[in-house]
Amino acid sequence: MAAMTGYLASGEPQRAKALWTQYEDRIRGAAKPVFRLLRCHAERGTQGEVNAAACAAAFAAYAEG
């Protein structure tokens, strides 16, 4: 979590995404909202925008009604 946050803060989302891809199956609690949020920000497009549809899907289980 700390490494992903550091890469995102330093403007290197592709490195955060690479960490996620490499360690996702070994992260205890990977489905928790904090990891979903980090993953959303790590999956930025070429212009730095967050993929809103992917983030919405990641948090759909937490949406009301």
Protein backbone atom coordinates (compact mmCIF):
# COMPACT_ATOMS: atom_id res chain seq x y z
CA MET A 1 0.00 0.00 0.00
CA ALA A 2 2.78 2.42 0.90
CA ALA A 3 4.70 1.74 -2.30
CA MET A 4 1.63 2.23 -4.49
CA THR A 5 0.81 5.47 -2.68
CA GLY A 6 4.37 6.69 -3.11
CA TYR A 7 4.39 5.98 -6.83
CA LEU A 8 1.04 7.71 -7.28
CA ALA A 9 2.18 10.74 -5.27
CA SER A 10 5.33 11.02 -7.36
CA GLY A 11 3.37 10.92 -10.62
CA GLU A 12 4.26 7.36 -11.59
CA PRO A 13 0.91 5.55 -11.82
CA GLN A 14 2.31 2.96 -14.21
CA ARG A 15 4.73 1.78 -11.52
CA ALA A 16 1.89 1.59 -8.98
CA LYS A 17 -0.12 -0.48 -11.47
CA ALA A 18 2.86 -2.77 -12.06
CA LEU A 19 3.11 -3.40 -8.30
CA TRP A 20 -0.58 -4.17 -8.15
CA THR A 21 -0.34 -6.57 -11.06
CA GLN A 22 2.65 -8.34 -9.55
CA TYR A 23 1.35 -8.68 -5.97
CA GLU A 24 -2.47 -8.59 -6.18
CA ASP A 25 -2.89 -12.28 -5.42
CA ARG A 26 -0.61 -12.02 -2.35
CA ILE A 27 -2.13 -8.90 -0.78
CA ARG A 28 -4.25 -9.72 2.22
CA GLY A 29 -7.36 -7.56 2.01
CA ALA A 30 -6.86 -6.63 -1.66
CA ALA A 31 -10.62 -6.19 -2.06
CA LYS A 32 -10.79 -3.51 0.64
CA PRO A 33 -11.79 -0.02 -0.49
CA VAL A 34 -8.35 1.47 0.13
CA PHE A 35 -6.75 -0.91 -2.37
CA ARG A 36 -9.59 -0.38 -4.84
CA LEU A 37 -9.01 3.38 -4.65
CA LEU A 38 -5.26 3.00 -5.18
CA ARG A 39 -5.89 0.71 -8.13
CA CYS A 40 -8.31 3.23 -9.66
CA HIS A 41 -5.66 5.92 -9.53
CA ALA A 42 -2.99 3.55 -10.83
CA GLU A 43 -5.09 2.81 -13.92
CA ARG A 44 -4.90 6.33 -15.33
CA GLY A 45 -5.20 6.93 -19.04
CA THR A 46 -2.63 8.49 -21.32
CA GLN A 47 -3.71 12.02 -20.37
CA GLY A 48 -3.58 11.30 -16.63
CA GLU A 49 -7.34 10.95 -16.24
CA VAL A 50 -8.80 8.33 -13.94
CA ASN A 51 -10.95 5.71 -15.68
CA ALA A 52 -14.29 6.63 -14.13
CA ALA A 53 -16.07 3.52 -15.40
CA ALA A 54 -13.43 1.19 -13.94
CA CYS A 55 -13.55 3.00 -10.61
CA ALA A 56 -17.34 2.92 -10.53
CA ALA A 57 -17.26 -0.82 -11.15
CA ALA A 58 -14.70 -1.33 -8.39
CA PHE A 59 -16.96 0.46 -5.89
CA ALA A 60 -20.36 -0.78 -7.14
CA ALA A 61 -20.73 -3.12 -4.19
CA TYR A 62 -20.55 -0.12 -1.83
CA ALA A 63 -23.16 1.98 -3.66
CA GLU A 64 -26.49 2.61 -2.02
CA GLY A 65 -29.71 1.31 -3.43
